[in-house]
Amino acid sequence: MTELTVPVSQTQRQASLWADAFHSLRKRPDVIFAVLVMLFVFAMAAFPALFTDQDPTVCRGREARLQPETWFVGEHPLGTDGFGCDFAAAIVYGTRPTIVLALTVMVVSVAVGLVLGITAGYYGRWVDALISRALDVFIVIPMLLGAILLLSLFRGRSAPDSMLETIAPPAIALCLFGWMEFCRYARASTIETKNLDYVMAAKCLGAKDRRIMFRHILPNAIAPVTAVVPTTIGGVIVTEAALAVLGIGVQPPATSWGVLLSDGTEWAGGGYLYLFGIPLVLLILTVFAFATFGDALRDALDPKLR
């Protein structure tokens, strides 16, 4: 008897790819640790009241620069800063601007990169040439350097009154120099995909270009782009910290990990190393978690590495 072969749809292949990647990731202890760290950081950003009952804006000058409590228990488990504010509360409430900024930059950069990359790869010719030349111009400028140059124009701006005003200037600067890598991956994936049988069949059936690009080609472009997202989030967090230390990122009285590092550098040499060391350890641990998860996700989604 002749066996009947049932064709596998593109959606089924994508579902199988993600299912295989999930099964591969959950067997790795380093990935489990990275996920726990990321969940902890996201929980601090979303629900700060779960981690501290102190108000970071309530400061008592007579309690300034208290060392961390033994075993990190007591009214001020991580001590107080130079103004007498609870340092644990400052770290917890400073997590939200850092994470919101990183996620905002990531969402905008991915959206811009995908649209430009798919458009360039699908239409080719002068459209591809125009977008590729813009890509060449921006890609030679590192994100940190480009953000420094742009934000230096707004040095000395007024203190922010809301979360939007706090993260808007650094977010705009980082988005402007953060879309290129996603554009490259999306363009390469589109060029590889646009001549496949199911795409040609959609064209023959009269599907419009926009439907083909975002219904049939986009699922193929998502996988390689997704693998880059966690690592890039870690890079944005580091860049935000560097900008804050330079005095052109998130501006006080708003608090972020970068602002805490910047303030901590003034006291680290005077014996108050915890004001610099604790935010630094948290920053390194978070970036390590995102980088580890990103590398593992890239390996899991790449069939050549299985």
Foldseek 3Di string as FASTA:
>chain_A
DDDDDDDDDPVNVLVVLVVQLVVLQVVDPLLVLLVVLVVVLVCLQVPVCVPDPFDQVDADQVQALADADVVQDDNQNRGHHRRRGRVSSLASNQSNLLLVLLVLLLVLLLVVLLVLLLQLQQPPDPSVVVSVVVLVVLQVQDLLRQLCVQLVVVAPPDADDDSCSQNVSSSVSNSVNRNNVLNVLNNVQNNVPCPDDVNVVCVVVPDDPVCSSVVPRVSSSCQQSVLCSLLSSLVSSVSLLVCVLVVRHRHPPRGHLSVQLNSQVVCCVVVSVSSNPVSVVSSVSNSSSSVVNSVSSNLSSDPVND
